[in-house]
Amino acid sequence: MIDEKILDWVCLSNTAGIGSKTFWTLLNKYKTATEALNYVKNPFSKQKAKQILKSINYEILLANDKDFPIELKRSCSCPPMLFYKGDKSILSKRKIGIVGARNASIHGMKIARTLAEKLSSEFAIISGLAKGIDANAHVGSLECPENKSAIAVLPFSLENVYPKENKNIYEKIAKYGLLISEVFPYSVPEQGMFQGRNRLISLLAQGMIIIEAGVKSGTMSTAKIALDYGCEVMAVPGSPLDPRYFGSNLLIKNGAPLIQNYYDVIEVLGADNRVPSQPPIETKKIIEKQDNFEKYEKVLSVLSSTPVSIDLISKYVQIEIPELLRIISDLEILGKIIKYCANEIALA
């Protein structure tokens, strides 16, 4: 039995000429979709809506549902509903997008897979199921299924697997992650739906990692949308001779954080769901202001003049990487340590 409220929302949102903004205007004016339907011309057939919803093998999530992602609710272009297949609880996790070229290089695809795998313990990894970078980001996020971190946003309705070559990834995400779309079931695919998918990824993600983006590519369009919505856009650098990196390198030139590994992402986004601000440089000891003074002392006690990896330090002092990175940042500002490339540090 399909709830009448769901049917009314579906009928109102699918009535010709009613987009998401008009939907919310009508709902605010008439308070319920049931009432609003009395004032629209040629509303979508309730019988047809019922038949369609009964025929699909996935679920619907209304925007007023407690499980609907808060990131979308904050937007004036919030879709009235999402269609999903998989574990909707993943929507409550911190989310980061990884997108890039379809005609990606082997190197670029490896970076996407590695970053997604590493980040999947901290974030849900969102991408668009396209071939190339997107597909490899999904594969990486599925390496540890128990993390439940894979989210694919589809450009078309969920029964329409696109591209077909990624059907295997689609099925794995449906089993171990989450597939979502704002497109009503059995809708005819349209070019504009790709932009809708990119908008959803940008709204949902706290940060966006761009890998291999040409200057006039769709990935750069996604980066622009993400910036417009206040999403932190980061980029992986590449050869100035490879056109696939022209856009990525331009983003970095214009101020986007340069990403080479997992640690770079954590430094940008922080472990508390906010971009960490730089502490003020004062003569007073920053360490003494910290509640966990002992942890700073613990880190210093295992260091010497020989550089050692952050991973190894984390194992010895039993401090999680995100917190350790903040401590290292403070110690570096104080001049207590020296940070080397390859994520190694030593006493100053």
Protein backbone atom coordinates (compact mmCIF):
# COMPACT_ATOMS: atom_id res chain seq x y z
CA MET A 1 0.00 0.00 0.00
CA ILE A 2 1.47 3.34 -1.06
CA ASP A 3 0.98 6.24 1.32
CA GLU A 4 -1.36 8.92 -0.04
CA LYS A 5 1.04 11.65 1.04
CA ILE A 6 3.78 10.11 -1.10
CA LEU A 7 1.42 9.92 -4.07
CA ASP A 8 0.46 13.58 -3.67
CA TRP A 9 4.11 14.66 -3.49
CA VAL A 10 4.90 12.58 -6.58
CA CYS A 11 1.97 13.96 -8.53
CA LEU A 12 2.73 17.57 -7.63
CA SER A 13 6.45 17.33 -8.41
CA ASN A 14 5.78 15.57 -11.74
CA THR A 15 3.12 17.94 -12.99
CA ALA A 16 4.26 19.67 -16.19
CA GLY A 17 5.89 23.04 -15.52
CA ILE A 18 6.60 22.39 -11.84
CA GLY A 19 10.27 22.21 -10.94
CA SER A 20 11.75 21.97 -7.47
CA LYS A 21 11.53 25.72 -6.77
CA THR A 22 7.90 25.92 -7.86
CA PHE A 23 7.14 22.79 -5.84
CA TRP A 24 8.42 24.41 -2.65
CA THR A 25 6.64 27.68 -3.42
CA LEU A 26 3.34 25.80 -3.76
CA LEU A 27 3.98 23.72 -0.64
CA ASN A 28 4.74 26.82 1.40
CA LYS A 29 1.61 28.53 0.11
CA TYR A 30 -0.87 25.66 0.48
CA LYS A 31 0.90 23.78 3.33
CA THR A 32 0.31 20.32 1.84
CA ALA A 33 0.80 18.72 -1.58
CA THR A 34 -2.78 17.44 -1.36
CA GLU A 35 -4.11 20.99 -1.14
CA ALA A 36 -1.69 22.35 -3.75
CA LEU A 37 -2.90 19.81 -6.32
CA ASN A 38 -6.30 21.50 -6.25
CA TYR A 39 -4.76 24.66 -7.73
CA VAL A 40 -2.53 23.32 -10.50
CA LYS A 41 -3.53 22.64 -14.09
CA ASN A 42 -3.49 19.08 -15.39
CA PRO A 43 -1.84 17.43 -12.39
CA PHE A 44 0.07 14.21 -12.88
CA SER A 45 -2.24 11.19 -12.71
CA LYS A 46 -2.41 9.63 -9.27
CA GLN A 47 -3.32 6.27 -10.79
CA LYS A 48 -0.28 6.40 -13.07
CA ALA A 49 1.96 7.41 -10.17
CA LYS A 50 0.66 4.47 -8.14
CA GLN A 51 1.31 2.01 -10.97
CA ILE A 52 4.85 3.28 -11.49
CA LEU A 53 5.79 3.22 -7.81
CA LYS A 54 4.44 -0.32 -7.46
CA SER A 55 6.53 -1.51 -10.42
CA ILE A 56 9.96 -0.29 -9.28
CA ASN A 57 12.45 -2.29 -7.20
CA TYR A 58 13.81 0.69 -5.29
CA GLU A 59 12.59 3.13 -2.66
CA ILE A 60 11.50 6.76 -2.42
CA LEU A 61 12.64 9.29 0.19
CA LEU A 62 10.68 12.53 0.61
CA ALA A 63 12.48 15.74 1.52
CA ASN A 64 10.60 15.97 4.83
CA ASP A 65 11.76 12.52 5.89
CA LYS A 66 14.20 12.42 8.83
CA ASP A 67 16.68 10.42 6.73
CA PHE A 68 16.73 12.93 3.88
CA PRO A 69 20.23 14.48 3.66
CA ILE A 70 20.46 17.77 5.53
CA GLU A 71 22.90 19.12 2.92
CA LEU A 72 20.09 19.12 0.33
CA LYS A 73 17.52 20.61 2.70
CA ARG A 74 19.71 23.69 3.08
CA SER A 75 19.57 24.40 -0.65
CA CYS A 76 16.90 26.43 -2.41
CA SER A 77 17.12 23.88 -5.24
CA CYS A 78 16.46 20.91 -2.97
CA PRO A 79 14.73 18.10 -4.89
CA PRO A 80 11.32 17.21 -3.39
CA MET A 81 12.36 13.57 -3.25
CA LEU A 82 15.14 11.11 -3.95
CA PHE A 83 14.90 7.59 -5.27
CA TYR A 84 17.36 5.17 -3.75
CA LYS A 85 18.56 1.59 -3.71
CA GLY A 86 20.76 0.33 -0.90
CA ASP A 87 21.54 1.57 2.58
CA LYS A 88 20.14 5.08 3.06
CA SER A 89 21.91 5.44 6.43
CA ILE A 90 25.10 6.18 4.46
CA LEU A 91 23.61 9.61 3.73
CA SER A 92 24.26 10.60 7.34
CA LYS A 93 28.03 10.13 6.95
CA ARG A 94 30.53 12.85 6.03
CA LYS A 95 30.70 12.87 2.26
CA ILE A 96 33.39 13.67 -0.27
CA GLY A 97 33.10 13.67 -4.06
CA ILE A 98 35.73 12.27 -6.41
CA VAL A 99 35.16 13.09 -10.08
CA GLY A 100 37.22 13.38 -13.23
CA ALA A 101 37.85 12.43 -16.82
CA ARG A 102 36.05 9.59 -18.55
CA ASN A 103 39.06 9.00 -20.82
CA ALA A 104 41.32 8.84 -17.78
CA SER A 105 44.93 7.70 -17.74
CA ILE A 106 46.01 4.56 -15.87
CA HIS A 107 47.81 6.84 -13.41
CA GLY A 108 44.70 8.96 -12.82
CA MET A 109 42.48 5.92 -12.29
CA LYS A 110 44.96 4.48 -9.78
CA ILE A 111 44.97 7.76 -7.83
CA ALA A 112 41.15 7.80 -7.75
CA ARG A 113 41.00 4.20 -6.53
CA THR A 114 43.69 4.69 -3.87
CA LEU A 115 42.25 7.96 -2.53
CA ALA A 116 38.74 6.49 -2.36
CA GLU A 117 39.93 3.39 -0.55
CA LYS A 118 41.90 5.40 2.03
CA LEU A 119 39.18 7.99 2.56
CA SER A 120 36.37 5.43 2.82
CA SER A 121 37.13 4.90 6.52
CA GLU A 122 36.33 8.60 7.17
CA PHE A 123 33.91 9.58 4.42
CA ALA A 124 31.19 8.30 2.17
CA ILE A 125 32.67 8.55 -1.33
CA ILE A 126 30.32 10.09 -3.90
CA SER A 127 30.73 9.92 -7.66
CA GLY A 128 28.62 9.71 -10.78
CA LEU A 129 29.15 6.12 -12.05
CA ALA A 130 30.75 7.42 -15.27
CA LYS A 131 33.62 5.43 -16.73
CA GLY A 132 37.19 6.44 -15.93
CA ILE A 133 37.79 8.36 -12.69
CA ASP A 134 34.23 7.99 -11.35
CA ALA A 135 34.18 4.21 -11.80
CA ASN A 136 37.56 3.82 -10.11
CA ALA A 137 36.50 6.02 -7.19
CA HIS A 138 33.56 3.64 -6.69
CA VAL A 139 35.81 0.58 -6.96
CA GLY A 140 38.15 2.03 -4.34
CA SER A 141 35.30 2.83 -1.96
CA LEU A 142 34.07 -0.78 -2.29
CA GLU A 143 37.43 -2.31 -1.30
CA CYS A 144 36.25 -2.47 2.31
CA PRO A 145 32.49 -3.20 2.04
CA GLU A 146 32.11 -3.02 5.82
CA ASN A 147 32.84 0.72 5.64
CA LYS A 148 29.56 1.23 3.77
CA SER A 149 30.99 4.25 2.01
CA ALA A 150 30.03 4.00 -1.68
CA ILE A 151 27.42 6.43 -3.04
CA ALA A 152 26.64 6.67 -6.76
CA VAL A 153 24.47 9.51 -8.03
CA LEU A 154 22.90 8.51 -11.34
CA PRO A 155 22.03 10.97 -14.09
CA PHE A 156 18.90 9.04 -15.10
CA SER A 157 16.29 7.06 -13.19
CA LEU A 158 17.61 4.12 -11.18
CA GLU A 159 16.39 1.33 -13.45
CA ASN A 160 18.45 2.88 -16.26
CA VAL A 161 22.04 1.79 -15.59
CA TYR A 162 24.36 4.29 -17.27
CA PRO A 163 26.83 3.52 -18.68
CA LYS A 164 25.94 -0.14 -19.21
CA GLU A 165 29.60 -1.16 -18.89
CA ASN A 166 29.46 -0.23 -15.21
CA LYS A 167 26.55 -2.52 -14.39
CA ASN A 168 28.77 -4.69 -12.20
CA ILE A 169 29.79 -1.65 -10.12
CA TYR A 170 26.13 -0.56 -9.99
CA GLU A 171 25.12 -3.93 -8.54
CA LYS A 172 27.92 -3.93 -5.96
CA ILE A 173 26.97 -0.43 -4.80
CA ALA A 174 23.32 -1.50 -4.52
CA LYS A 175 24.48 -4.35 -2.25
CA TYR A 176 27.18 -2.61 -0.19
CA GLY A 177 26.48 1.10 -0.63
CA LEU A 178 23.81 3.44 -1.96
CA LEU A 179 22.47 4.39 -5.40
CA ILE A 180 20.47 7.61 -5.63
CA SER A 181 18.75 9.73 -8.26
CA GLU A 182 16.34 12.66 -8.29
CA VAL A 183 14.87 11.50 -11.62
CA PHE A 184 11.39 9.96 -11.61
CA PRO A 185 11.19 6.29 -12.65
CA TYR A 186 11.13 5.52 -16.40
CA SER A 187 11.80 9.13 -17.37
CA VAL A 188 13.22 9.59 -20.86
CA PRO A 189 16.95 10.45 -20.55
CA GLU A 190 17.82 14.07 -21.32
CA GLN A 191 21.16 15.87 -21.60
CA GLY A 192 20.24 18.24 -18.77
CA MET A 193 20.02 15.33 -16.35
CA PHE A 194 23.82 15.10 -16.28
CA GLN A 195 23.99 18.61 -14.84
CA GLY A 196 21.34 17.61 -12.31
CA ARG A 197 23.51 14.68 -11.22
CA ASN A 198 26.55 16.95 -10.88
CA ARG A 199 24.50 19.43 -8.86
CA LEU A 200 23.44 16.69 -6.44
CA ILE A 201 27.02 15.50 -5.97
CA SER A 202 28.14 19.09 -5.32
CA LEU A 203 25.36 19.72 -2.80
CA LEU A 204 25.91 16.47 -0.91
CA ALA A 205 29.70 16.62 -0.72
CA GLN A 206 31.63 18.51 1.93
CA GLY A 207 34.62 18.47 -0.41
CA MET A 208 35.24 17.63 -4.06
CA ILE A 209 38.45 16.09 -5.43
CA ILE A 210 39.06 16.78 -9.12
CA ILE A 211 41.28 14.30 -10.98
CA GLU A 212 42.18 14.88 -14.65
CA ALA A 213 39.93 17.69 -15.84
CA GLY A 214 40.39 19.39 -19.21
CA VAL A 215 39.79 23.15 -19.27
CA LYS A 216 36.42 22.86 -21.05
CA SER A 217 35.44 19.47 -19.64
CA GLY A 218 32.29 18.39 -17.84
CA THR A 219 34.43 17.86 -14.75
CA MET A 220 35.34 21.55 -14.72
CA SER A 221 31.65 22.38 -14.98
CA THR A 222 31.08 20.20 -11.93
CA ALA A 223 33.91 22.00 -10.12
CA LYS A 224 32.24 25.34 -10.87
CA ILE A 225 28.89 24.10 -9.58
CA ALA A 226 30.61 22.82 -6.44
CA LEU A 227 32.30 26.19 -5.85
CA ASP A 228 28.98 27.98 -6.37
CA TYR A 229 27.41 25.81 -3.66
CA GLY A 230 30.25 26.39 -1.21
CA CYS A 231 31.81 22.95 -1.57
CA GLU A 232 35.59 22.79 -0.93
CA VAL A 233 37.12 22.00 -4.32
CA MET A 234 40.52 20.30 -4.34
CA ALA A 235 42.59 19.03 -7.26
CA VAL A 236 45.24 16.44 -8.03
CA PRO A 237 48.06 18.04 -10.05
CA GLY A 238 49.42 16.59 -13.28
CA SER A 239 51.75 17.12 -16.19
CA PRO A 240 51.48 20.53 -17.90
CA LEU A 241 51.83 18.60 -21.17
CA ASP A 242 48.73 16.46 -20.61
CA PRO A 243 45.48 18.23 -21.67
CA ARG A 244 43.58 16.12 -19.15
CA TYR A 245 45.28 18.09 -16.38
CA PHE A 246 44.96 21.59 -17.82
CA GLY A 247 41.76 22.26 -15.86
CA SER A 248 43.00 20.59 -12.67
CA ASN A 249 46.22 22.59 -12.69
CA LEU A 250 44.26 25.78 -13.36
CA LEU A 251 42.12 25.13 -10.27
CA ILE A 252 45.28 24.77 -8.18
CA LYS A 253 46.75 27.94 -9.73
CA ASN A 254 43.56 29.76 -8.70
CA GLY A 255 43.80 28.58 -5.11
CA ALA A 256 42.33 25.07 -4.91
CA PRO A 257 44.20 22.89 -2.38
CA LEU A 258 46.69 20.56 -4.05
CA ILE A 259 45.96 16.91 -3.26
CA GLN A 260 48.54 14.15 -3.49
CA ASN A 261 47.30 11.73 -0.85
CA TYR A 262 44.87 11.00 1.96
CA TYR A 263 46.70 13.24 4.43
CA ASP A 264 46.29 16.30 2.20
CA VAL A 265 42.52 15.80 2.16
CA ILE A 266 42.29 15.42 5.94
CA GLU A 267 44.38 18.56 6.40
CA VAL A 268 41.96 20.51 4.22
CA LEU A 269 38.68 19.17 5.59
CA GLY A 270 39.70 18.35 9.13
CA ALA A 271 38.32 15.59 11.29
CA ASP A 272 35.46 17.62 12.76
CA ASN A 273 33.58 18.23 9.50
CA ARG A 274 35.03 21.73 9.15
CA VAL A 275 38.03 23.19 7.43
CA PRO A 276 40.53 23.67 10.26
CA SER A 277 41.65 27.23 10.78
CA GLN A 278 45.31 28.06 11.32
CA PRO A 279 46.02 28.74 15.00
CA PRO A 280 47.46 32.18 15.74
CA ILE A 281 51.24 32.36 16.00
CA GLU A 282 51.93 33.83 19.44
CA THR A 283 54.79 33.73 21.91
CA LYS A 284 52.60 31.76 24.32
CA LYS A 285 52.81 28.02 23.93
CA ILE A 286 49.93 26.71 21.83
CA ILE A 287 50.40 23.27 23.30
CA GLU A 288 49.65 24.42 26.84
CA LYS A 289 46.24 25.67 25.70
CA GLN A 290 45.24 22.21 24.53
CA ASP A 291 43.07 19.94 26.65
CA ASN A 292 45.08 16.92 25.51
CA PHE A 293 48.52 18.26 26.48
CA GLU A 294 49.74 14.72 27.17
CA LYS A 295 49.20 13.72 23.54
CA TYR A 296 51.50 16.49 22.34
CA GLU A 297 54.17 15.33 24.79
CA LYS A 298 53.65 11.74 23.66
CA VAL A 299 54.24 12.65 20.02
CA LEU A 300 57.38 14.61 20.82
CA SER A 301 58.73 11.76 22.96
CA VAL A 302 58.86 9.29 20.05
CA LEU A 303 60.57 11.70 17.65
CA SER A 304 64.27 12.20 16.94
CA SER A 305 66.32 14.03 14.34
CA THR A 306 65.64 11.17 11.91
CA PRO A 307 62.47 11.64 9.82
CA VAL A 308 59.73 9.10 10.49
CA SER A 309 56.40 8.51 8.74
CA ILE A 310 53.12 9.81 10.14
CA ASP A 311 51.62 6.33 9.76
CA LEU A 312 54.31 4.84 12.00
CA ILE A 313 53.93 7.60 14.60
CA SER A 314 50.17 6.97 14.67
CA LYS A 315 50.77 3.29 15.43
CA TYR A 316 53.24 4.01 18.23
CA VAL A 317 51.31 6.74 20.02
CA GLN A 318 47.85 5.29 19.33
CA ILE A 319 46.41 8.55 18.01
CA GLU A 320 44.12 8.54 14.97
CA ILE A 321 45.54 10.21 11.84
CA PRO A 322 43.12 13.20 11.71
CA GLU A 323 43.90 14.21 15.30
CA LEU A 324 47.60 13.52 14.82
CA LEU A 325 47.70 15.84 11.81
CA ARG A 326 46.30 18.69 13.92
CA ILE A 327 48.90 18.06 16.62
CA ILE A 328 51.67 17.99 14.00
CA SER A 329 50.39 21.27 12.54
CA ASP A 330 50.61 22.93 15.99
CA LEU A 331 54.07 21.53 16.65
CA GLU A 332 55.30 22.74 13.27
CA ILE A 333 54.04 26.27 13.97
CA LEU A 334 55.83 26.22 17.32
CA GLY A 335 59.05 25.22 15.60
CA LYS A 336 59.23 21.96 17.54
CA ILE A 337 59.31 19.74 14.45
CA ILE A 338 60.25 19.79 10.79
CA LYS A 339 57.89 18.35 8.23
CA TYR A 340 59.43 16.63 5.23
CA CYS A 341 57.94 15.39 1.98
CA ALA A 342 56.52 11.85 1.85
CA ASN A 343 54.62 12.65 5.08
CA GLU A 344 57.61 12.33 7.40
CA ILE A 345 58.50 14.49 10.39
CA ALA A 346 61.46 14.89 12.75
CA LEU A 347 62.48 17.03 15.71
CA ALA A 348 63.64 20.52 14.74
